[in-house]
Amino acid sequence: AAWREAPYFTDEERAALALAEAATRIADNPAGVPDDVWN
């Protein structure tokens, strides 16, 4: 739940978790999933 602050996750896992959060909270961002998260 606090993956951004926890040192236990790989860069790949962090990218997947960020994408998951952005896609799940899609209504919170008028642009949808941000380009930086997707990239």
PDB file of all heavy atoms in Angstrom:
ATOM      1  N   ALA A   1       0.826  -1.215   0.000  1.00  0.00           N
ATOM      2  CA  ALA A   1       0.000   0.000   0.000  1.00  0.00           C
ATOM      3  C   ALA A   1       0.859   1.263   0.000  1.00  0.00           C
ATOM      4  O   ALA A   1       0.398   2.324  -0.411  1.00  0.00           O
ATOM      5  CB  ALA A   1      -0.947   0.003   1.199  1.00  0.00           C
ATOM      6  N   ALA A   2       2.091   1.155   0.446  1.00  0.00           N
ATOM      7  CA  ALA A   2       3.015   2.293   0.491  1.00  0.00           C
ATOM      8  C   ALA A   2       4.254   1.996  -0.354  1.00  0.00           C
ATOM      9  O   ALA A   2       5.372   2.342   0.005  1.00  0.00           O
ATOM     10  CB  ALA A   2       3.403   2.583   1.937  1.00  0.00           C
ATOM     11  N   TRP A   3       4.050   1.364  -1.497  1.00  0.00           N
ATOM     12  CA  TRP A   3       5.162   0.897  -2.321  1.00  0.00           C
ATOM     13  C   TRP A   3       6.115   2.014  -2.756  1.00  0.00           C
ATOM     14  O   TRP A   3       7.300   1.764  -2.929  1.00  0.00           O
ATOM     15  CB  TRP A   3       4.642   0.131  -3.538  1.00  0.00           C
ATOM     16  CG  TRP A   3       3.793   0.932  -4.471  1.00  0.00           C
ATOM     17  CD1 TRP A   3       2.432   1.050  -4.447  1.00  0.00           C
ATOM     18  CD2 TRP A   3       4.243   1.731  -5.563  1.00  0.00           C
ATOM     19  NE1 TRP A   3       2.005   1.877  -5.453  1.00  0.00           N
ATOM     20  CE2 TRP A   3       3.097   2.307  -6.160  1.00  0.00           C
ATOM     21  CE3 TRP A   3       5.492   2.017  -6.097  1.00  0.00           C
ATOM     22  CZ2 TRP A   3       3.169   3.151  -7.259  1.00  0.00           C
ATOM     23  CZ3 TRP A   3       5.567   2.864  -7.192  1.00  0.00           C
ATOM     24  CH2 TRP A   3       4.414   3.419  -7.764  1.00  0.00           C
ATOM     25  N   ARG A   4       5.624   3.222  -2.902  1.00  0.00           N
ATOM     26  CA  ARG A   4       6.509   4.328  -3.321  1.00  0.00           C
ATOM     27  C   ARG A   4       7.576   4.625  -2.268  1.00  0.00           C
ATOM     28  O   ARG A   4       8.687   5.014  -2.606  1.00  0.00           O
ATOM     29  CB  ARG A   4       5.690   5.587  -3.594  1.00  0.00           C
ATOM     30  CG  ARG A   4       4.941   5.562  -4.900  1.00  0.00           C
ATOM     31  CD  ARG A   4       4.137   6.854  -5.096  1.00  0.00           C
ATOM     32  NE  ARG A   4       3.397   6.832  -6.328  1.00  0.00           N
ATOM     33  CZ  ARG A   4       2.216   6.243  -6.486  1.00  0.00           C
ATOM     34  NH1 ARG A   4       1.650   5.620  -5.472  1.00  0.00           N
ATOM     35  NH2 ARG A   4       1.611   6.272  -7.654  1.00  0.00           N
ATOM     36  N   GLU A   5       7.215   4.472  -1.001  1.00  0.00           N
ATOM     37  CA  GLU A   5       8.129   4.789   0.094  1.00  0.00           C
ATOM     38  C   GLU A   5       8.908   3.569   0.589  1.00  0.00           C
ATOM     39  O   GLU A   5       9.850   3.715   1.355  1.00  0.00           O
ATOM     40  CB  GLU A   5       7.359   5.396   1.267  1.00  0.00           C
ATOM     41  CG  GLU A   5       6.800   6.786   0.993  1.00  0.00           C
ATOM     42  CD  GLU A   5       5.536   6.780   0.155  1.00  0.00           C
ATOM     43  OE1 GLU A   5       4.796   5.785   0.185  1.00  0.00           O
ATOM     44  OE2 GLU A   5       5.296   7.781  -0.553  1.00  0.00           O
ATOM     45  N   ALA A   6       8.493   2.385   0.193  1.00  0.00           N
ATOM     46  CA  ALA A   6       9.131   1.158   0.678  1.00  0.00           C
ATOM     47  C   ALA A   6      10.262   0.741  -0.260  1.00  0.00           C
ATOM     48  O   ALA A   6      10.112   0.810  -1.476  1.00  0.00           O
ATOM     49  CB  ALA A   6       8.097   0.041   0.785  1.00  0.00           C
ATOM     50  N   PRO A   7      11.384   0.300   0.303  1.00  0.00           N
ATOM     51  CA  PRO A   7      12.535  -0.049  -0.525  1.00  0.00           C
ATOM     52  C   PRO A   7      12.518  -1.472  -1.078  1.00  0.00           C
ATOM     53  O   PRO A   7      13.491  -1.913  -1.670  1.00  0.00           O
ATOM     54  CB  PRO A   7      13.706   0.114   0.458  1.00  0.00           C
ATOM     55  CG  PRO A   7      13.120  -0.265   1.774  1.00  0.00           C
ATOM     56  CD  PRO A   7      11.696   0.253   1.733  1.00  0.00           C
ATOM     57  N   TYR A   8      11.409  -2.186  -0.923  1.00  0.00           N
ATOM     58  CA  TYR A   8      11.389  -3.624  -1.188  1.00  0.00           C
ATOM     59  C   TYR A   8      10.992  -4.021  -2.604  1.00  0.00           C
ATOM     60  O   TYR A   8      10.923  -5.203  -2.910  1.00  0.00           O
ATOM     61  CB  TYR A   8      10.428  -4.320  -0.207  1.00  0.00           C
ATOM     62  CG  TYR A   8      10.585  -3.849   1.209  1.00  0.00           C
ATOM     63  CD1 TYR A   8       9.534  -3.260   1.883  1.00  0.00           C
ATOM     64  CD2 TYR A   8      11.809  -3.978   1.869  1.00  0.00           C
ATOM     65  CE1 TYR A   8       9.678  -2.812   3.184  1.00  0.00           C
ATOM     66  CE2 TYR A   8      11.971  -3.528   3.167  1.00  0.00           C
ATOM     67  CZ  TYR A   8      10.901  -2.947   3.811  1.00  0.00           C
ATOM     68  OH  TYR A   8      11.049  -2.493   5.091  1.00  0.00           O
ATOM     69  N   PHE A   9      10.718  -3.058  -3.467  1.00  0.00           N
ATOM     70  CA  PHE A   9      10.184  -3.368  -4.782  1.00  0.00           C
ATOM     71  C   PHE A   9      11.163  -2.991  -5.889  1.00  0.00           C
ATOM     72  O   PHE A   9      11.856  -1.979  -5.797  1.00  0.00           O
ATOM     73  CB  PHE A   9       8.838  -2.657  -4.983  1.00  0.00           C
ATOM     74  CG  PHE A   9       7.849  -3.033  -3.919  1.00  0.00           C
ATOM     75  CD1 PHE A   9       7.633  -2.201  -2.831  1.00  0.00           C
ATOM     76  CD2 PHE A   9       7.179  -4.240  -3.967  1.00  0.00           C
ATOM     77  CE1 PHE A   9       6.754  -2.552  -1.820  1.00  0.00           C
ATOM     78  CE2 PHE A   9       6.297  -4.611  -2.960  1.00  0.00           C
ATOM     79  CZ  PHE A   9       6.077  -3.768  -1.886  1.00  0.00           C
ATOM     80  N   THR A  10      11.182  -3.815  -6.931  1.00  0.00           N
ATOM     81  CA  THR A  10      12.075  -3.556  -8.065  1.00  0.00           C
ATOM     82  C   THR A  10      11.508  -2.422  -8.917  1.00  0.00           C
ATOM     83  O   THR A  10      10.337  -2.054  -8.797  1.00  0.00           O
ATOM     84  CB  THR A  10      12.207  -4.809  -8.951  1.00  0.00           C
ATOM     85  OG1 THR A  10      10.937  -5.076  -9.570  1.00  0.00           O
ATOM     86  CG2 THR A  10      12.681  -6.018  -8.142  1.00  0.00           C
ATOM     87  N   ASP A  11      12.331  -1.903  -9.801  1.00  0.00           N
ATOM     88  CA  ASP A  11      11.872  -0.859 -10.714  1.00  0.00           C
ATOM     89  C   ASP A  11      10.729  -1.380 -11.600  1.00  0.00           C
ATOM     90  O   ASP A  11       9.792  -0.650 -11.897  1.00  0.00           O
ATOM     91  CB  ASP A  11      13.020  -0.356 -11.588  1.00  0.00           C
ATOM     92  CG  ASP A  11      14.031   0.460 -10.799  1.00  0.00           C
ATOM     93  OD1 ASP A  11      13.710   0.923  -9.679  1.00  0.00           O
ATOM     94  OD2 ASP A  11      15.161   0.640 -11.306  1.00  0.00           O
ATOM     95  N   GLU A  12      10.814  -2.633 -12.009  1.00  0.00           N
ATOM     96  CA  GLU A  12       9.762  -3.234 -12.830  1.00  0.00           C
ATOM     97  C   GLU A  12       8.452  -3.316 -12.046  1.00  0.00           C
ATOM     98  O   GLU A  12       7.375  -2.995 -12.571  1.00  0.00           O
ATOM     99  CB  GLU A  12      10.179  -4.634 -13.299  1.00  0.00           C
ATOM    100  CG  GLU A  12      11.323  -4.638 -14.288  1.00  0.00           C
ATOM    101  CD  GLU A  12      12.711  -4.497 -13.654  1.00  0.00           C
ATOM    102  OE1 GLU A  12      12.838  -4.550 -12.407  1.00  0.00           O
ATOM    103  OE2 GLU A  12      13.666  -4.308 -14.420  1.00  0.00           O
ATOM    104  N   GLU A  13       8.527  -3.759 -10.798  1.00  0.00           N
ATOM    105  CA  GLU A  13       7.325  -3.840  -9.968  1.00  0.00           C
ATOM    106  C   GLU A  13       6.735  -2.452  -9.723  1.00  0.00           C
ATOM    107  O   GLU A  13       5.513  -2.269  -9.762  1.00  0.00           O
ATOM    108  CB  GLU A  13       7.640  -4.516  -8.636  1.00  0.00           C
ATOM    109  CG  GLU A  13       7.946  -5.999  -8.778  1.00  0.00           C
ATOM    110  CD  GLU A  13       8.587  -6.614  -7.553  1.00  0.00           C
ATOM    111  OE1 GLU A  13       9.196  -5.881  -6.729  1.00  0.00           O
ATOM    112  OE2 GLU A  13       8.502  -7.847  -7.406  1.00  0.00           O
ATOM    113  N   ARG A  14       7.587  -1.477  -9.494  1.00  0.00           N
ATOM    114  CA  ARG A  14       7.115  -0.106  -9.276  1.00  0.00           C
ATOM    115  C   ARG A  14       6.391   0.420 -10.520  1.00  0.00           C
ATOM    116  O   ARG A  14       5.358   1.080 -10.411  1.00  0.00           O
ATOM    117  CB  ARG A  14       8.280   0.815  -8.918  1.00  0.00           C
ATOM    118  CG  ARG A  14       8.851   0.552  -7.546  1.00  0.00           C
ATOM    119  CD  ARG A  14      10.100   1.408  -7.288  1.00  0.00           C
ATOM    120  NE  ARG A  14      10.694   1.032  -6.026  1.00  0.00           N
ATOM    121  CZ  ARG A  14      10.220   1.368  -4.838  1.00  0.00           C
ATOM    122  NH1 ARG A  14       9.147   2.118  -4.734  1.00  0.00           N
ATOM    123  NH2 ARG A  14      10.831   0.961  -3.735  1.00  0.00           N
ATOM    124  N   ALA A  15       6.931   0.120 -11.692  1.00  0.00           N
ATOM    125  CA  ALA A  15       6.287   0.550 -12.935  1.00  0.00           C
ATOM    126  C   ALA A  15       4.916  -0.109 -13.083  1.00  0.00           C
ATOM    127  O   ALA A  15       3.943   0.538 -13.482  1.00  0.00           O
ATOM    128  CB  ALA A  15       7.179   0.228 -14.133  1.00  0.00           C
ATOM    129  N   ALA A  16       4.831  -1.394 -12.752  1.00  0.00           N
ATOM    130  CA  ALA A  16       3.548  -2.112 -12.835  1.00  0.00           C
ATOM    131  C   ALA A  16       2.553  -1.569 -11.813  1.00  0.00           C
ATOM    132  O   ALA A  16       1.364  -1.390 -12.121  1.00  0.00           O
ATOM    133  CB  ALA A  16       3.773  -3.609 -12.623  1.00  0.00           C
ATOM    134  N   LEU A  17       3.011  -1.294 -10.609  1.00  0.00           N
ATOM    135  CA  LEU A  17       2.126  -0.757  -9.573  1.00  0.00           C
ATOM    136  C   LEU A  17       1.648   0.654  -9.919  1.00  0.00           C
ATOM    137  O   LEU A  17       0.474   0.987  -9.703  1.00  0.00           O
ATOM    138  CB  LEU A  17       2.828  -0.782  -8.209  1.00  0.00           C
ATOM    139  CG  LEU A  17       3.012  -2.174  -7.612  1.00  0.00           C
ATOM    140  CD1 LEU A  17       4.029  -2.140  -6.473  1.00  0.00           C
ATOM    141  CD2 LEU A  17       1.684  -2.751  -7.143  1.00  0.00           C
ATOM    142  N   ALA A  18       2.523   1.468 -10.480  1.00  0.00           N
ATOM    143  CA  ALA A  18       2.123   2.815 -10.890  1.00  0.00           C
ATOM    144  C   ALA A  18       1.077   2.754 -12.004  1.00  0.00           C
ATOM    145  O   ALA A  18       0.092   3.500 -11.989  1.00  0.00           O
ATOM    146  CB  ALA A  18       3.344   3.623 -11.341  1.00  0.00           C
ATOM    147  N   LEU A  19       1.285   1.864 -12.962  1.00  0.00           N
ATOM    148  CA  LEU A  19       0.311   1.695 -14.040  1.00  0.00           C
ATOM    149  C   LEU A  19      -1.020   1.200 -13.468  1.00  0.00           C
ATOM    150  O   LEU A  19      -2.093   1.698 -13.853  1.00  0.00           O
ATOM    151  CB  LEU A  19       0.845   0.720 -15.089  1.00  0.00           C
ATOM    152  CG  LEU A  19      -0.052   0.472 -16.287  1.00  0.00           C
ATOM    153  CD1 LEU A  19      -0.286   1.761 -17.074  1.00  0.00           C
ATOM    154  CD2 LEU A  19       0.561  -0.605 -17.177  1.00  0.00           C
ATOM    155  N   ALA A  20      -0.954   0.258 -12.558  1.00  0.00           N
ATOM    156  CA  ALA A  20      -2.173  -0.277 -11.946  1.00  0.00           C
ATOM    157  C   ALA A  20      -2.944   0.814 -11.210  1.00  0.00           C
ATOM    158  O   ALA A  20      -4.174   0.919 -11.333  1.00  0.00           O
ATOM    159  CB  ALA A  20      -1.828  -1.419 -10.998  1.00  0.00           C
ATOM    160  N   GLU A  21      -2.241   1.628 -10.444  1.00  0.00           N
ATOM    161  CA  GLU A  21      -2.909   2.711  -9.716  1.00  0.00           C
ATOM    162  C   GLU A  21      -3.513   3.735 -10.673  1.00  0.00           C
ATOM    163  O   GLU A  21      -4.656   4.168 -10.486  1.00  0.00           O
ATOM    164  CB  GLU A  21      -1.938   3.396  -8.758  1.00  0.00           C
ATOM    165  CG  GLU A  21      -1.643   2.572  -7.533  1.00  0.00           C
ATOM    166  CD  GLU A  21      -0.856   3.330  -6.473  1.00  0.00           C
ATOM    167  OE1 GLU A  21      -0.557   4.536  -6.657  1.00  0.00           O
ATOM    168  OE2 GLU A  21      -0.556   2.714  -5.437  1.00  0.00           O
ATOM    169  N   ALA A  22      -2.763   4.124 -11.694  1.00  0.00           N
ATOM    170  CA  ALA A  22      -3.256   5.137 -12.631  1.00  0.00           C
ATOM    171  C   ALA A  22      -4.476   4.624 -13.398  1.00  0.00           C
ATOM    172  O   ALA A  22      -5.449   5.356 -13.583  1.00  0.00           O
ATOM    173  CB  ALA A  22      -2.148   5.548 -13.598  1.00  0.00           C
ATOM    174  N   ALA A  23      -4.440   3.369 -13.825  1.00  0.00           N
ATOM    175  CA  ALA A  23      -5.566   2.808 -14.573  1.00  0.00           C
ATOM    176  C   ALA A  23      -6.779   2.582 -13.677  1.00  0.00           C
ATOM    177  O   ALA A  23      -7.914   2.733 -14.115  1.00  0.00           O
ATOM    178  CB  ALA A  23      -5.156   1.497 -15.240  1.00  0.00           C
ATOM    179  N   THR A  24      -6.546   2.249 -12.421  1.00  0.00           N
ATOM    180  CA  THR A  24      -7.642   2.038 -11.481  1.00  0.00           C
ATOM    181  C   THR A  24      -8.286   3.356 -11.090  1.00  0.00           C
ATOM    182  O   THR A  24      -9.506   3.442 -10.944  1.00  0.00           O
ATOM    183  CB  THR A  24      -7.124   1.288 -10.235  1.00  0.00           C
ATOM    184  OG1 THR A  24      -6.616   0.017 -10.670  1.00  0.00           O
ATOM    185  CG2 THR A  24      -8.216   1.082  -9.210  1.00  0.00           C
ATOM    186  N   ARG A  25      -7.487   4.381 -10.958  1.00  0.00           N
ATOM    187  CA  ARG A  25      -7.986   5.703 -10.566  1.00  0.00           C
ATOM    188  C   ARG A  25      -8.161   6.610 -11.782  1.00  0.00           C
ATOM    189  O   ARG A  25      -7.980   7.824 -11.697  1.00  0.00           O
ATOM    190  CB  ARG A  25      -7.016   6.340  -9.572  1.00  0.00           C
ATOM    191  CG  ARG A  25      -6.985   5.605  -8.251  1.00  0.00           C
ATOM    192  CD  ARG A  25      -6.037   6.276  -7.290  1.00  0.00           C
ATOM    193  NE  ARG A  25      -6.251   5.762  -5.951  1.00  0.00           N
ATOM    194  CZ  ARG A  25      -5.288   5.608  -5.051  1.00  0.00           C
ATOM    195  NH1 ARG A  25      -4.050   5.960  -5.339  1.00  0.00           N
ATOM    196  NH2 ARG A  25      -5.554   5.134  -3.860  1.00  0.00           N
ATOM    197  N   ILE A  26      -8.539   6.033 -12.882  1.00  0.00           N
ATOM    198  CA  ILE A  26      -8.611   6.754 -14.149  1.00  0.00           C
ATOM    199  C   ILE A  26      -9.528   7.971 -14.076  1.00  0.00           C
ATOM    200  O   ILE A  26      -9.284   8.980 -14.737  1.00  0.00           O
ATOM    201  CB  ILE A  26      -9.004   5.780 -15.280  1.00  0.00           C
ATOM    202  CG1 ILE A  26      -8.523   6.296 -16.607  1.00  0.00           C
ATOM    203  CG2 ILE A  26     -10.479   5.453 -15.263  1.00  0.00           C
ATOM    204  CD1 ILE A  26      -8.481   5.229 -17.675  1.00  0.00           C
ATOM    205  N   ALA A  27     -10.554   7.910 -13.259  1.00  0.00           N
ATOM    206  CA  ALA A  27     -11.485   9.049 -13.137  1.00  0.00           C
ATOM    207  C   ALA A  27     -10.847  10.235 -12.419  1.00  0.00           C
ATOM    208  O   ALA A  27     -11.330  11.357 -12.533  1.00  0.00           O
ATOM    209  CB  ALA A  27     -12.743   8.618 -12.388  1.00  0.00           C
ATOM    210  N   ASP A  28      -9.756  10.003 -11.712  1.00  0.00           N
ATOM    211  CA  ASP A  28      -9.088  11.071 -10.972  1.00  0.00           C
ATOM    212  C   ASP A  28      -8.176  11.928 -11.838  1.00  0.00           C
ATOM    213  O   ASP A  28      -7.647  12.932 -11.374  1.00  0.00           O
ATOM    214  CB  ASP A  28      -8.262  10.485  -9.817  1.00  0.00           C
ATOM    215  CG  ASP A  28      -9.123   9.805  -8.776  1.00  0.00           C
ATOM    216  OD1 ASP A  28     -10.341  10.083  -8.730  1.00  0.00           O
ATOM    217  OD2 ASP A  28      -8.575   8.989  -8.014  1.00  0.00           O
ATOM    218  N   ASN A  29      -7.950  11.519 -13.076  1.00  0.00           N
ATOM    219  CA  ASN A  29      -7.035  12.243 -13.949  1.00  0.00           C
ATOM    220  C   ASN A  29      -7.722  12.467 -15.291  1.00  0.00           C
ATOM    221  O   ASN A  29      -7.976  11.509 -16.009  1.00  0.00           O
ATOM    222  CB  ASN A  29      -5.739  11.450 -14.136  1.00  0.00           C
ATOM    223  CG  ASN A  29      -4.681  12.235 -14.878  1.00  0.00           C
ATOM    224  OD1 ASN A  29      -4.974  13.188 -15.593  1.00  0.00           O
ATOM    225  ND2 ASN A  29      -3.450  11.825 -14.722  1.00  0.00           N
ATOM    226  N   PRO A  30      -8.008  13.722 -15.650  1.00  0.00           N
ATOM    227  CA  PRO A  30      -8.709  13.978 -16.911  1.00  0.00           C
ATOM    228  C   PRO A  30      -7.962  13.461 -18.135  1.00  0.00           C
ATOM    229  O   PRO A  30      -8.561  13.200 -19.164  1.00  0.00           O
ATOM    230  CB  PRO A  30      -8.869  15.494 -16.956  1.00  0.00           C
ATOM    231  CG  PRO A  30      -8.171  16.053 -15.787  1.00  0.00           C
ATOM    232  CD  PRO A  30      -7.704  14.929 -14.914  1.00  0.00           C
ATOM    233  N   ALA A  31      -6.656  13.288 -18.024  1.00  0.00           N
ATOM    234  CA  ALA A  31      -5.867  12.773 -19.146  1.00  0.00           C
ATOM    235  C   ALA A  31      -5.808  11.249 -19.154  1.00  0.00           C
ATOM    236  O   ALA A  31      -5.155  10.663 -20.016  1.00  0.00           O
ATOM    237  CB  ALA A  31      -4.455  13.352 -19.084  1.00  0.00           C
ATOM    238  N   GLY A  32      -6.461  10.606 -18.197  1.00  0.00           N
ATOM    239  CA  GLY A  32      -6.384   9.149 -18.113  1.00  0.00           C
ATOM    240  C   GLY A  32      -5.056   8.726 -17.500  1.00  0.00           C
ATOM    241  O   GLY A  32      -4.592   9.334 -16.543  1.00  0.00           O
ATOM    242  N   VAL A  33      -4.439   7.716 -18.047  1.00  0.00           N
ATOM    243  CA  VAL A  33      -3.130   7.259 -17.564  1.00  0.00           C
ATOM    244  C   VAL A  33      -2.076   8.219 -18.118  1.00  0.00           C
ATOM    245  O   VAL A  33      -1.946   8.373 -19.334  1.00  0.00           O
ATOM    246  CB  VAL A  33      -2.846   5.812 -18.019  1.00  0.00           C
ATOM    247  CG1 VAL A  33      -1.435   5.393 -17.647  1.00  0.00           C
ATOM    248  CG2 VAL A  33      -3.872   4.845 -17.418  1.00  0.00           C
ATOM    249  N   PRO A  34      -1.325   8.875 -17.229  1.00  0.00           N
ATOM    250  CA  PRO A  34      -0.319   9.840 -17.695  1.00  0.00           C
ATOM    251  C   PRO A  34       0.771   9.184 -18.550  1.00  0.00           C
ATOM    252  O   PRO A  34       1.135   8.019 -18.341  1.00  0.00           O
ATOM    253  CB  PRO A  34       0.286  10.385 -16.396  1.00  0.00           C
ATOM    254  CG  PRO A  34      -0.721  10.089 -15.341  1.00  0.00           C
ATOM    255  CD  PRO A  34      -1.410   8.824 -15.771  1.00  0.00           C
ATOM    256  N   ASP A  35       1.291   9.947 -19.499  1.00  0.00           N
ATOM    257  CA  ASP A  35       2.334   9.434 -20.386  1.00  0.00           C
ATOM    258  C   ASP A  35       3.553   8.950 -19.626  1.00  0.00           C
ATOM    259  O   ASP A  35       4.154   7.934 -20.006  1.00  0.00           O
ATOM    260  CB  ASP A  35       2.756  10.508 -21.397  1.00  0.00           C
ATOM    261  CG  ASP A  35       1.711  10.749 -22.471  1.00  0.00           C
ATOM    262  OD1 ASP A  35       0.844   9.872 -22.688  1.00  0.00           O
ATOM    263  OD2 ASP A  35       1.755  11.836 -23.090  1.00  0.00           O
ATOM    264  N   ASP A  36       3.955   9.657 -18.564  1.00  0.00           N
ATOM    265  CA  ASP A  36       5.161   9.236 -17.845  1.00  0.00           C
ATOM    266  C   ASP A  36       4.962   7.868 -17.188  1.00  0.00           C
ATOM    267  O   ASP A  36       5.881   7.048 -17.169  1.00  0.00           O
ATOM    268  CB  ASP A  36       5.612  10.281 -16.828  1.00  0.00           C
ATOM    269  CG  ASP A  36       4.602  10.545 -15.721  1.00  0.00           C
ATOM    270  OD1 ASP A  36       3.375  10.524 -15.986  1.00  0.00           O
ATOM    271  OD2 ASP A  36       5.035  10.781 -14.579  1.00  0.00           O
ATOM    272  N   VAL A  37       3.764   7.609 -16.705  1.00  0.00           N
ATOM    273  CA  VAL A  37       3.476   6.305 -16.098  1.00  0.00           C
ATOM    274  C   VAL A  37       3.504   5.223 -17.175  1.00  0.00           C
ATOM    275  O   VAL A  37       4.121   4.170 -17.000  1.00  0.00           O
ATOM    276  CB  VAL A  37       2.110   6.335 -15.367  1.00  0.00           C
ATOM    277  CG1 VAL A  37       1.693   4.941 -14.916  1.00  0.00           C
ATOM    278  CG2 VAL A  37       2.177   7.288 -14.178  1.00  0.00           C
ATOM    279  N   TRP A  38       2.838   5.488 -18.287  1.00  0.00           N
ATOM    280  CA  TRP A  38       2.818   4.527 -19.394  1.00  0.00           C
ATOM    281  C   TRP A  38       4.237   4.272 -19.918  1.00  0.00           C
ATOM    282  O   TRP A  38       4.643   3.126 -20.117  1.00  0.00           O
ATOM    283  CB  TRP A  38       1.927   5.024 -20.529  1.00  0.00           C
ATOM    284  CG  TRP A  38       1.966   4.089 -21.694  1.00  0.00           C
ATOM    285  CD1 TRP A  38       2.733   4.195 -22.824  1.00  0.00           C
ATOM    286  CD2 TRP A  38       1.248   2.858 -21.821  1.00  0.00           C
ATOM    287  NE1 TRP A  38       2.530   3.124 -23.644  1.00  0.00           N
ATOM    288  CE2 TRP A  38       1.618   2.284 -23.045  1.00  0.00           C
ATOM    289  CE3 TRP A  38       0.329   2.204 -21.006  1.00  0.00           C
ATOM    290  CZ2 TRP A  38       1.097   1.075 -23.493  1.00  0.00           C
ATOM    291  CZ3 TRP A  38      -0.202   0.995 -21.450  1.00  0.00           C
ATOM    292  CH2 TRP A  38       0.184   0.450 -22.672  1.00  0.00           C
ATOM    293  N   ASN A  39       4.989   5.341 -20.145  1.00  0.00           N
ATOM    294  CA  ASN A  39       6.333   5.209 -20.698  1.00  0.00           C
ATOM    295  C   ASN A  39       7.253   4.438 -19.775  1.00  0.00           C
ATOM    296  O   ASN A  39       8.085   3.647 -20.234  1.00  0.00           O
ATOM    297  CB  ASN A  39       6.916   6.582 -21.034  1.00  0.00           C
ATOM    298  CG  ASN A  39       6.179   7.239 -22.186  1.00  0.00           C
ATOM    299  OD1 ASN A  39       5.527   6.578 -22.997  1.00  0.00           O
ATOM    300  ND2 ASN A  39       6.252   8.559 -22.246  1.00  0.00           N
TER     301      ASN A  39
END
